[in-house]
């Protein structure tokens, strides 16, 4: 199953196994969901369902993963079972929380998970049915899992891989943040020394849709030519990094490591070197 689904393809899907998740984020996300969402969609919250935010971002970053047991409870509450076909959308072309939800669902072990290409906006352009009605659904039986199955890197892993030149670390934030020109979210501007910058925004076209998989394949093959084969992807807090992981999977590459703590952890950890290009 392709990790990306078009609005027209979604329109033609039906059945009790289909579950649509609204992963729009921000302080008004739930209200926006109540105001209007794709008919049948269930709301999933970035901060409460897709992360377990701690007291100190220096250890885990701004959006650490919840425990596998807590996420299992979330999925049960959303009515998601092993055989569910889950389609996730947000309003930021997948970069806000939809790709993070996709990564977590896949890492939890679910097989049929897709992100809506172009997100909420494209659903409107393609005339999918919207509603402001409350959605009612039954809880699903709890799925028991032991650990995340997709590869994860810690801060120590990233540091060791860079020292040994055994992995390519990709920072997917905007270039101005990577260069250290300014930093709108975290406390310090700059990047992890040795990391290269490939902004996640380069995965999509001018309409907010993912580039065709063959174009992504050619693009990343060229960008990563002569680089270490191991890949570690990071961003500010481990959310938009999943957008590039999704793009790489869509292009047919093996799913790379996610550094969940990302810049929000590295930049706060005492003694870690910070690089700038200004």
C-alpha atoms as a PDB file:
ATOM      1  CA  UNK A   1       0.000   0.000   0.000  1.00  0.00           C
ATOM      2  CA  UNK A   2       1.298   3.435  -0.948  1.00  0.00           C
ATOM      3  CA  UNK A   3       1.860   5.687   2.085  1.00  0.00           C
ATOM      4  CA  UNK A   4       0.149   8.523   0.173  1.00  0.00           C
ATOM      5  CA  UNK A   5      -3.501   8.626  -0.890  1.00  0.00           C
ATOM      6  CA  UNK A   6      -5.197  11.249  -3.054  1.00  0.00           C
ATOM      7  CA  UNK A   7      -8.468  12.920  -2.145  1.00  0.00           C
ATOM      8  CA  UNK A   8     -10.169  11.308  -5.137  1.00  0.00           C
ATOM      9  CA  UNK A   9      -8.971   7.884  -3.997  1.00  0.00           C
ATOM     10  CA  UNK A  10     -10.233   8.563  -0.470  1.00  0.00           C
ATOM     11  CA  UNK A  11     -13.624   9.581  -1.847  1.00  0.00           C
ATOM     12  CA  UNK A  12     -14.011   6.106  -3.322  1.00  0.00           C
ATOM     13  CA  UNK A  13     -13.111   4.269  -0.102  1.00  0.00           C
ATOM     14  CA  UNK A  14     -15.727   2.943   2.276  1.00  0.00           C
ATOM     15  CA  UNK A  15     -16.280   0.199   4.820  1.00  0.00           C
ATOM     16  CA  UNK A  16     -16.188  -0.189   8.570  1.00  0.00           C
ATOM     17  CA  UNK A  17     -12.418  -0.759   8.536  1.00  0.00           C
ATOM     18  CA  UNK A  18     -11.769   2.750   7.193  1.00  0.00           C
ATOM     19  CA  UNK A  19     -10.798   5.258   9.893  1.00  0.00           C
ATOM     20  CA  UNK A  20      -9.941   8.857   9.045  1.00  0.00           C
ATOM     21  CA  UNK A  21      -7.882  10.856  11.535  1.00  0.00           C
ATOM     22  CA  UNK A  22      -7.796  14.649  11.713  1.00  0.00           C
ATOM     23  CA  UNK A  23      -4.298  15.538  12.947  1.00  0.00           C
ATOM     24  CA  UNK A  24      -4.445  19.307  12.597  1.00  0.00           C
ATOM     25  CA  UNK A  25      -2.352  20.922  15.314  1.00  0.00           C
ATOM     26  CA  UNK A  26      -2.068  24.268  17.096  1.00  0.00           C
ATOM     27  CA  UNK A  27      -3.907  25.917  19.957  1.00  0.00           C
ATOM     28  CA  UNK A  28      -7.233  26.012  18.080  1.00  0.00           C
ATOM     29  CA  UNK A  29      -6.897  22.589  16.467  1.00  0.00           C
ATOM     30  CA  UNK A  30      -9.750  20.886  18.273  1.00  0.00           C
ATOM     31  CA  UNK A  31     -12.062  23.840  17.784  1.00  0.00           C
ATOM     32  CA  UNK A  32     -11.175  23.876  14.091  1.00  0.00           C
ATOM     33  CA  UNK A  33     -12.034  20.188  14.000  1.00  0.00           C
ATOM     34  CA  UNK A  34     -15.405  20.849  15.638  1.00  0.00           C
ATOM     35  CA  UNK A  35     -16.081  23.678  13.208  1.00  0.00           C
ATOM     36  CA  UNK A  36     -15.413  21.551  10.149  1.00  0.00           C
ATOM     37  CA  UNK A  37     -13.779  18.229   9.355  1.00  0.00           C
ATOM     38  CA  UNK A  38     -13.956  15.475   6.764  1.00  0.00           C
ATOM     39  CA  UNK A  39     -17.107  13.506   7.427  1.00  0.00           C
ATOM     40  CA  UNK A  40     -16.346  10.599   9.732  1.00  0.00           C
ATOM     41  CA  UNK A  41     -12.903  11.876  10.801  1.00  0.00           C
ATOM     42  CA  UNK A  42     -11.790  11.395  14.408  1.00  0.00           C
ATOM     43  CA  UNK A  43      -9.524  13.951  16.085  1.00  0.00           C
ATOM     44  CA  UNK A  44      -6.026  13.000  17.225  1.00  0.00           C
ATOM     45  CA  UNK A  45      -4.022  15.512  19.255  1.00  0.00           C
ATOM     46  CA  UNK A  46      -0.331  16.130  18.620  1.00  0.00           C
ATOM     47  CA  UNK A  47       0.604  17.131  22.157  1.00  0.00           C
ATOM     48  CA  UNK A  48      -1.545  14.628  24.053  1.00  0.00           C
ATOM     49  CA  UNK A  49      -1.852  11.616  21.742  1.00  0.00           C
ATOM     50  CA  UNK A  50       1.241  11.720  19.542  1.00  0.00           C
ATOM     51  CA  UNK A  51       3.670  12.885  22.231  1.00  0.00           C
ATOM     52  CA  UNK A  52       4.258  12.714  25.969  1.00  0.00           C
ATOM     53  CA  UNK A  53       5.646  16.144  26.753  1.00  0.00           C
ATOM     54  CA  UNK A  54       8.021  16.215  29.706  1.00  0.00           C
ATOM     55  CA  UNK A  55       9.266  18.959  31.980  1.00  0.00           C
ATOM     56  CA  UNK A  56      12.721  19.314  30.391  1.00  0.00           C
ATOM     57  CA  UNK A  57      13.069  19.280  26.594  1.00  0.00           C
ATOM     58  CA  UNK A  58      16.838  18.779  27.050  1.00  0.00           C
ATOM     59  CA  UNK A  59      15.926  15.139  27.625  1.00  0.00           C
ATOM     60  CA  UNK A  60      13.603  13.966  24.885  1.00  0.00           C
ATOM     61  CA  UNK A  61      12.925  17.218  23.035  1.00  0.00           C
ATOM     62  CA  UNK A  62       9.635  19.102  22.721  1.00  0.00           C
ATOM     63  CA  UNK A  63       7.628  16.138  21.437  1.00  0.00           C
ATOM     64  CA  UNK A  64       8.941  12.896  22.949  1.00  0.00           C
ATOM     65  CA  UNK A  65       7.159   9.711  21.997  1.00  0.00           C
ATOM     66  CA  UNK A  66       4.570   8.373  24.429  1.00  0.00           C
ATOM     67  CA  UNK A  67       5.078   4.867  25.732  1.00  0.00           C
ATOM     68  CA  UNK A  68       3.872   2.121  23.437  1.00  0.00           C
ATOM     69  CA  UNK A  69       1.308   1.198  26.111  1.00  0.00           C
ATOM     70  CA  UNK A  70      -0.123   4.728  26.222  1.00  0.00           C
ATOM     71  CA  UNK A  71      -0.365   4.874  22.437  1.00  0.00           C
ATOM     72  CA  UNK A  72      -2.176   1.540  22.460  1.00  0.00           C
ATOM     73  CA  UNK A  73      -4.777   3.110  24.755  1.00  0.00           C
ATOM     74  CA  UNK A  74      -5.097   6.060  22.358  1.00  0.00           C
ATOM     75  CA  UNK A  75      -5.710   3.755  19.406  1.00  0.00           C
ATOM     76  CA  UNK A  76      -8.279   1.772  21.349  1.00  0.00           C
ATOM     77  CA  UNK A  77     -10.106   4.983  22.217  1.00  0.00           C
ATOM     78  CA  UNK A  78     -10.143   5.969  18.541  1.00  0.00           C
ATOM     79  CA  UNK A  79     -11.589   2.608  17.546  1.00  0.00           C
ATOM     80  CA  UNK A  80      -8.459   1.504  15.687  1.00  0.00           C
ATOM     81  CA  UNK A  81      -7.777  -2.212  15.427  1.00  0.00           C
ATOM     82  CA  UNK A  82      -5.121  -4.350  13.734  1.00  0.00           C
ATOM     83  CA  UNK A  83      -7.102  -4.552  10.481  1.00  0.00           C
ATOM     84  CA  UNK A  84      -8.086  -0.862  10.294  1.00  0.00           C
ATOM     85  CA  UNK A  85      -7.271   1.140   7.184  1.00  0.00           C
ATOM     86  CA  UNK A  86      -6.194   4.497   8.617  1.00  0.00           C
ATOM     87  CA  UNK A  87      -5.989   7.701   6.566  1.00  0.00           C
ATOM     88  CA  UNK A  88      -4.505  10.750   8.299  1.00  0.00           C
ATOM     89  CA  UNK A  89      -4.624  14.405   7.293  1.00  0.00           C
ATOM     90  CA  UNK A  90      -3.593  17.806   8.626  1.00  0.00           C
ATOM     91  CA  UNK A  91      -3.631  21.323   7.162  1.00  0.00           C
ATOM     92  CA  UNK A  92       0.118  21.650   6.574  1.00  0.00           C
ATOM     93  CA  UNK A  93       0.635  19.279   3.652  1.00  0.00           C
ATOM     94  CA  UNK A  94       1.316  16.430   6.052  1.00  0.00           C
ATOM     95  CA  UNK A  95       4.167  18.198   7.847  1.00  0.00           C
ATOM     96  CA  UNK A  96       2.259  19.284  10.933  1.00  0.00           C
ATOM     97  CA  UNK A  97       1.238  16.034  12.573  1.00  0.00           C
ATOM     98  CA  UNK A  98      -0.177  13.725   9.889  1.00  0.00           C
ATOM     99  CA  UNK A  99       3.236  12.324   8.987  1.00  0.00           C
ATOM    100  CA  UNK A 100       4.084  11.905  12.680  1.00  0.00           C
ATOM    101  CA  UNK A 101       0.815   9.981  13.168  1.00  0.00           C
ATOM    102  CA  UNK A 102       1.653   7.872  10.095  1.00  0.00           C
ATOM    103  CA  UNK A 103       5.128   7.096  11.474  1.00  0.00           C
ATOM    104  CA  UNK A 104       3.757   6.131  14.897  1.00  0.00           C
ATOM    105  CA  UNK A 105       0.996   3.945  13.485  1.00  0.00           C
ATOM    106  CA  UNK A 106       3.485   2.169  11.225  1.00  0.00           C
ATOM    107  CA  UNK A 107       5.989   1.864  14.051  1.00  0.00           C
ATOM    108  CA  UNK A 108       3.224   0.441  16.231  1.00  0.00           C
ATOM    109  CA  UNK A 109       2.869  -2.308  13.649  1.00  0.00           C
ATOM    110  CA  UNK A 110      -0.222  -1.315  11.670  1.00  0.00           C
ATOM    111  CA  UNK A 111       0.117  -2.092   7.972  1.00  0.00           C
ATOM    112  CA  UNK A 112      -2.643  -0.084   6.270  1.00  0.00           C
ATOM    113  CA  UNK A 113      -1.797   3.550   6.994  1.00  0.00           C
ATOM    114  CA  UNK A 114      -1.804   6.463   4.531  1.00  0.00           C
ATOM    115  CA  UNK A 115      -1.476  10.250   4.560  1.00  0.00           C
ATOM    116  CA  UNK A 116      -3.918  12.350   2.540  1.00  0.00           C
ATOM    117  CA  UNK A 117      -1.984  14.134  -0.199  1.00  0.00           C
ATOM    118  CA  UNK A 118      -2.458  17.898   0.062  1.00  0.00           C
ATOM    119  CA  UNK A 119      -4.283  17.506   3.365  1.00  0.00           C
ATOM    120  CA  UNK A 120      -7.390  19.347   4.505  1.00  0.00           C
ATOM    121  CA  UNK A 121      -7.132  21.976   1.788  1.00  0.00           C
ATOM    122  CA  UNK A 122      -6.968  19.432  -0.998  1.00  0.00           C
ATOM    123  CA  UNK A 123      -9.963  17.616   0.453  1.00  0.00           C
ATOM    124  CA  UNK A 124     -11.902  20.841  -0.009  1.00  0.00           C
ATOM    125  CA  UNK A 125     -10.677  21.341  -3.547  1.00  0.00           C
ATOM    126  CA  UNK A 126     -11.724  17.794  -4.394  1.00  0.00           C
ATOM    127  CA  UNK A 127     -15.159  18.323  -2.813  1.00  0.00           C
ATOM    128  CA  UNK A 128     -14.924  15.659  -0.134  1.00  0.00           C
ATOM    129  CA  UNK A 129     -17.844  15.847   2.237  1.00  0.00           C
ATOM    130  CA  UNK A 130     -17.275  18.001   5.336  1.00  0.00           C
ATOM    131  CA  UNK A 131     -19.304  18.174   8.514  1.00  0.00           C
ATOM    132  CA  UNK A 132     -19.384  19.875  11.906  1.00  0.00           C
ATOM    133  CA  UNK A 133     -21.350  17.024  13.473  1.00  0.00           C
ATOM    134  CA  UNK A 134     -19.913  15.130  16.411  1.00  0.00           C
ATOM    135  CA  UNK A 135     -18.599  11.720  15.434  1.00  0.00           C
ATOM    136  CA  UNK A 136     -19.669   8.673  17.426  1.00  0.00           C
ATOM    137  CA  UNK A 137     -17.767   5.410  17.322  1.00  0.00           C
ATOM    138  CA  UNK A 138     -16.963   2.419  19.472  1.00  0.00           C
ATOM    139  CA  UNK A 139     -13.691   1.741  21.225  1.00  0.00           C
ATOM    140  CA  UNK A 140     -11.619  -1.093  19.842  1.00  0.00           C
ATOM    141  CA  UNK A 141      -9.995  -3.915  21.739  1.00  0.00           C
ATOM    142  CA  UNK A 142      -6.584  -2.998  23.103  1.00  0.00           C
ATOM    143  CA  UNK A 143      -3.696  -4.006  20.845  1.00  0.00           C
ATOM    144  CA  UNK A 144      -0.710  -5.123  22.873  1.00  0.00           C
ATOM    145  CA  UNK A 145       2.740  -4.258  21.563  1.00  0.00           C
ATOM    146  CA  UNK A 146       6.142  -4.399  23.221  1.00  0.00           C
ATOM    147  CA  UNK A 147       8.131  -1.691  21.414  1.00  0.00           C
ATOM    148  CA  UNK A 148       8.223   0.628  18.400  1.00  0.00           C
ATOM    149  CA  UNK A 149       9.379  -1.306  15.340  1.00  0.00           C
ATOM    150  CA  UNK A 150      10.719   1.501  13.129  1.00  0.00           C
ATOM    151  CA  UNK A 151      14.318   2.627  13.754  1.00  0.00           C
ATOM    152  CA  UNK A 152      14.883   5.386  16.306  1.00  0.00           C
ATOM    153  CA  UNK A 153      18.092   7.257  17.155  1.00  0.00           C
ATOM    154  CA  UNK A 154      18.964   8.887  20.454  1.00  0.00           C
ATOM    155  CA  UNK A 155      21.133  11.964  20.923  1.00  0.00           C
ATOM    156  CA  UNK A 156      24.039   9.665  21.800  1.00  0.00           C
ATOM    157  CA  UNK A 157      23.463   7.606  18.630  1.00  0.00           C
ATOM    158  CA  UNK A 158      23.523  10.757  16.493  1.00  0.00           C
ATOM    159  CA  UNK A 159      26.718  11.985  18.112  1.00  0.00           C
ATOM    160  CA  UNK A 160      28.496   8.635  17.699  1.00  0.00           C
ATOM    161  CA  UNK A 161      27.369   8.184  14.088  1.00  0.00           C
ATOM    162  CA  UNK A 162      28.673  11.630  13.179  1.00  0.00           C
ATOM    163  CA  UNK A 163      31.984  11.058  14.954  1.00  0.00           C
ATOM    164  CA  UNK A 164      32.442   7.748  13.130  1.00  0.00           C
ATOM    165  CA  UNK A 165      31.127   9.130   9.826  1.00  0.00           C
ATOM    166  CA  UNK A 166      28.849   6.086   9.617  1.00  0.00           C
ATOM    167  CA  UNK A 167      25.530   7.840   8.983  1.00  0.00           C
ATOM    168  CA  UNK A 168      24.246  10.884   7.142  1.00  0.00           C
ATOM    169  CA  UNK A 169      22.240  13.119   9.463  1.00  0.00           C
ATOM    170  CA  UNK A 170      19.603  15.190   7.662  1.00  0.00           C
ATOM    171  CA  UNK A 171      18.107  18.316   9.219  1.00  0.00           C
ATOM    172  CA  UNK A 172      14.772  18.984   7.486  1.00  0.00           C
ATOM    173  CA  UNK A 173      14.094  22.446   8.960  1.00  0.00           C
ATOM    174  CA  UNK A 174      14.011  25.564   6.804  1.00  0.00           C
ATOM    175  CA  UNK A 175      17.434  26.732   5.672  1.00  0.00           C
ATOM    176  CA  UNK A 176      17.391  29.938   7.740  1.00  0.00           C
ATOM    177  CA  UNK A 177      16.935  27.902  10.928  1.00  0.00           C
ATOM    178  CA  UNK A 178      19.659  25.439   9.955  1.00  0.00           C
ATOM    179  CA  UNK A 179      22.078  28.259   9.133  1.00  0.00           C
ATOM    180  CA  UNK A 180      21.414  29.915  12.475  1.00  0.00           C
ATOM    181  CA  UNK A 181      20.029  33.152  11.057  1.00  0.00           C
ATOM    182  CA  UNK A 182      17.101  33.034  13.484  1.00  0.00           C
ATOM    183  CA  UNK A 183      15.123  30.507  15.487  1.00  0.00           C
ATOM    184  CA  UNK A 184      11.357  31.012  15.948  1.00  0.00           C
ATOM    185  CA  UNK A 185      10.675  28.087  18.303  1.00  0.00           C
ATOM    186  CA  UNK A 186      13.716  26.730  20.119  1.00  0.00           C
ATOM    187  CA  UNK A 187      16.056  28.637  22.412  1.00  0.00           C
ATOM    188  CA  UNK A 188      19.177  28.618  20.230  1.00  0.00           C
ATOM    189  CA  UNK A 189      19.674  29.003  16.472  1.00  0.00           C
ATOM    190  CA  UNK A 190      21.977  26.759  14.470  1.00  0.00           C
ATOM    191  CA  UNK A 191      22.369  23.078  13.703  1.00  0.00           C
ATOM    192  CA  UNK A 192      24.053  19.863  14.781  1.00  0.00           C
ATOM    193  CA  UNK A 193      27.657  19.922  13.516  1.00  0.00           C
ATOM    194  CA  UNK A 194      27.983  17.538  10.585  1.00  0.00           C
ATOM    195  CA  UNK A 195      24.278  17.453   9.748  1.00  0.00           C
ATOM    196  CA  UNK A 196      23.238  18.405   6.220  1.00  0.00           C
ATOM    197  CA  UNK A 197      20.142  20.453   5.377  1.00  0.00           C
ATOM    198  CA  UNK A 198      17.396  19.195   3.054  1.00  0.00           C
ATOM    199  CA  UNK A 199      14.239  21.150   3.975  1.00  0.00           C
ATOM    200  CA  UNK A 200      11.078  19.042   4.116  1.00  0.00           C
ATOM    201  CA  UNK A 201       9.344  21.685   1.996  1.00  0.00           C
ATOM    202  CA  UNK A 202      11.297  20.361  -0.987  1.00  0.00           C
ATOM    203  CA  UNK A 203       9.226  17.165  -0.848  1.00  0.00           C
ATOM    204  CA  UNK A 204       6.116  18.917  -2.185  1.00  0.00           C
ATOM    205  CA  UNK A 205       5.085  20.887  -5.254  1.00  0.00           C
ATOM    206  CA  UNK A 206       3.570  24.358  -5.536  1.00  0.00           C
ATOM    207  CA  UNK A 207       0.098  22.938  -4.822  1.00  0.00           C
ATOM    208  CA  UNK A 208       1.145  21.267  -1.580  1.00  0.00           C
ATOM    209  CA  UNK A 209       1.103  17.748  -3.014  1.00  0.00           C
ATOM    210  CA  UNK A 210       3.979  15.322  -2.649  1.00  0.00           C
ATOM    211  CA  UNK A 211       6.282  15.143  -5.639  1.00  0.00           C
ATOM    212  CA  UNK A 212       5.835  11.989  -7.687  1.00  0.00           C
ATOM    213  CA  UNK A 213       7.743   9.046  -6.175  1.00  0.00           C
ATOM    214  CA  UNK A 214      10.061   8.758  -9.176  1.00  0.00           C
ATOM    215  CA  UNK A 215      10.980  12.451  -8.835  1.00  0.00           C
ATOM    216  CA  UNK A 216      11.636  12.031  -5.112  1.00  0.00           C
ATOM    217  CA  UNK A 217      13.717   8.945  -5.858  1.00  0.00           C
ATOM    218  CA  UNK A 218      15.886  10.820  -8.347  1.00  0.00           C
ATOM    219  CA  UNK A 219      16.171  13.876  -6.108  1.00  0.00           C
ATOM    220  CA  UNK A 220      17.306  12.023  -2.978  1.00  0.00           C
ATOM    221  CA  UNK A 221      19.541   9.642  -4.904  1.00  0.00           C
ATOM    222  CA  UNK A 222      21.417  12.676  -6.235  1.00  0.00           C
ATOM    223  CA  UNK A 223      21.488  14.562  -2.935  1.00  0.00           C
ATOM    224  CA  UNK A 224      22.759  11.538  -1.014  1.00  0.00           C
ATOM    225  CA  UNK A 225      25.268  10.393  -3.621  1.00  0.00           C
ATOM    226  CA  UNK A 226      28.630   9.650  -1.993  1.00  0.00           C
ATOM    227  CA  UNK A 227      27.080  10.047   1.481  1.00  0.00           C
ATOM    228  CA  UNK A 228      27.041   7.422   4.221  1.00  0.00           C
ATOM    229  CA  UNK A 229      24.268   4.928   3.562  1.00  0.00           C
ATOM    230  CA  UNK A 230      22.815   5.065   7.069  1.00  0.00           C
ATOM    231  CA  UNK A 231      20.300   7.908   7.403  1.00  0.00           C
ATOM    232  CA  UNK A 232      19.132   9.732  10.515  1.00  0.00           C
ATOM    233  CA  UNK A 233      16.371  12.312  10.020  1.00  0.00           C
ATOM    234  CA  UNK A 234      15.614  15.141  12.435  1.00  0.00           C
ATOM    235  CA  UNK A 235      13.867  18.497  12.623  1.00  0.00           C
ATOM    236  CA  UNK A 236      12.935  20.761  15.526  1.00  0.00           C
ATOM    237  CA  UNK A 237      11.047  18.286  17.684  1.00  0.00           C
ATOM    238  CA  UNK A 238      10.681  15.034  15.765  1.00  0.00           C
ATOM    239  CA  UNK A 239       7.418  15.936  13.999  1.00  0.00           C
ATOM    240  CA  UNK A 240       8.250  17.385  10.569  1.00  0.00           C
ATOM    241  CA  UNK A 241      11.163  14.935  10.286  1.00  0.00           C
ATOM    242  CA  UNK A 242       8.462  12.321   9.700  1.00  0.00           C
ATOM    243  CA  UNK A 243       7.435  14.209   6.548  1.00  0.00           C
ATOM    244  CA  UNK A 244      10.806  13.435   4.965  1.00  0.00           C
ATOM    245  CA  UNK A 245      10.699   9.859   6.264  1.00  0.00           C
ATOM    246  CA  UNK A 246       7.287   9.556   4.608  1.00  0.00           C
ATOM    247  CA  UNK A 247       8.666  11.019   1.363  1.00  0.00           C
ATOM    248  CA  UNK A 248      11.586   8.580   1.385  1.00  0.00           C
ATOM    249  CA  UNK A 249       9.249   5.651   1.947  1.00  0.00           C
ATOM    250  CA  UNK A 250       6.993   6.914  -0.857  1.00  0.00           C
ATOM    251  CA  UNK A 251      10.045   7.054  -3.131  1.00  0.00           C
ATOM    252  CA  UNK A 252      10.929   3.451  -2.350  1.00  0.00           C
ATOM    253  CA  UNK A 253      13.868   3.977   0.023  1.00  0.00           C
ATOM    254  CA  UNK A 254      14.207   1.984   3.249  1.00  0.00           C
ATOM    255  CA  UNK A 255      12.656   3.829   6.194  1.00  0.00           C
ATOM    256  CA  UNK A 256      15.529   5.696   7.917  1.00  0.00           C
ATOM    257  CA  UNK A 257      16.099   6.400  11.599  1.00  0.00           C
ATOM    258  CA  UNK A 258      14.103   9.126  13.327  1.00  0.00           C
ATOM    259  CA  UNK A 259      15.936  11.241  15.890  1.00  0.00           C
ATOM    260  CA  UNK A 260      12.903  12.063  18.007  1.00  0.00           C
ATOM    261  CA  UNK A 261      14.548  14.612  20.306  1.00  0.00           C
ATOM    262  CA  UNK A 262      15.874  16.538  17.308  1.00  0.00           C
ATOM    263  CA  UNK A 263      17.179  20.110  17.536  1.00  0.00           C
ATOM    264  CA  UNK A 264      14.965  20.915  20.530  1.00  0.00           C
ATOM    265  CA  UNK A 265      16.876  18.336  22.584  1.00  0.00           C
ATOM    266  CA  UNK A 266      20.365  18.827  21.138  1.00  0.00           C
ATOM    267  CA  UNK A 267      20.298  22.625  21.471  1.00  0.00           C
ATOM    268  CA  UNK A 268      19.246  22.430  25.129  1.00  0.00           C
ATOM    269  CA  UNK A 269      21.641  19.684  26.201  1.00  0.00           C
ATOM    270  CA  UNK A 270      24.575  21.103  28.121  1.00  0.00           C
ATOM    271  CA  UNK A 271      27.920  20.815  26.388  1.00  0.00           C
ATOM    272  CA  UNK A 272      26.661  20.009  22.889  1.00  0.00           C
ATOM    273  CA  UNK A 273      28.401  21.926  20.100  1.00  0.00           C
ATOM    274  CA  UNK A 274      26.246  24.156  17.891  1.00  0.00           C
ATOM    275  CA  UNK A 275      27.167  25.043  14.297  1.00  0.00           C
ATOM    276  CA  UNK A 276      26.101  28.093  12.279  1.00  0.00           C
ATOM    277  CA  UNK A 277      26.571  29.280   8.705  1.00  0.00           C
ATOM    278  CA  UNK A 278      26.262  33.032   9.047  1.00  0.00           C
END
